[in-house]
Amino acid sequence: MSVELIITLVIVGILALAFLYASGVRWYASRILIWLDLKKLELNLPMEQYVRTLLDEQGLVDVEIKKAGFFSSLFIGNTYSVKKKRINLHWFTARRTSIGNLARAGRLIGLAKMHAEGAKNLRAVEFTRWFGWLPILFIPLIIIGLIVDLIAGESVGLYTLIFAGVGLVLVLFTLIMSFVALKSNFKAYDIGREIILNMQILGEKETKKFNSLIKTWKQLDVINVIIITFELIYFVFKIILSSIKLFGRR
């Protein structure tokens, strides 16, 4: 068995295990969220207005809240806009005052508070939210390079390497932004958690579930970074091999 095949199998195996573990963690998080979503808060205000109250209590009176419609929620979801100083609430989150939706809003309130306190790197959170899919362009870029090489009369050569390099840059940039966003998200989770627990509206069992959910969300963030890291290692390995073959022929 060649060294190339062994390294490829090891990296692919690690990625497969990471995806399987991530699927299990997502399933576990979804179970907790279902349980928390069934726990309706005894409030006379819509969730949107309740988040407004929490923001005001934190001195974040200039932070806007916008409820996304059904279709816009597919793209916007629960996000915080640094540029507009605005919390965007998914239509489901805004309509029901459940503990689950309070947990969803907690991280956004945490990000808003960090922004007000002058925290930097919050753009990385927005980047990973909107452009975290960039690494999937790596394979299409290689295919484009192959096509250009064939048109230019070469087999697997220079253009494949160039386009693969562009894909590698996208993966590397996404990885760097993911590491930066990881730290900001972790702090936002903790700030939101502290704000919500200080309200003292959760029972012992609810608090345990809530803490478990925050821990699970953090695990998912770490897993996503791990997956991107090993994808980057795999891409670098393939580019090195392509370079050796290309320049070896010459």
Foldseek 3Di string as FASTA:
>chain_A
DDPLVVVVCVLVVVLVVLVVVLVVLVVVLVVLLVVQLVAADPDPDFLQVVLCVLCVVLVNNVQAEAEDDQVVCVQPDFDADLVRSYTYHYNVLRGTRTRSSLLSCQLNSLLSSCVVVPHPLVVLLVCCSRPVVLLVCLVVLLVVQQVVCVVVPHHREDSSLVSNVVSLVSLVVNLVSLVSVLVSSLSSSVRSLVSVVVVVRDDPVNNVSSVVSSVSVSVSSVSSSVSSVSSSVVSVSVSVVSVCVHVVVD
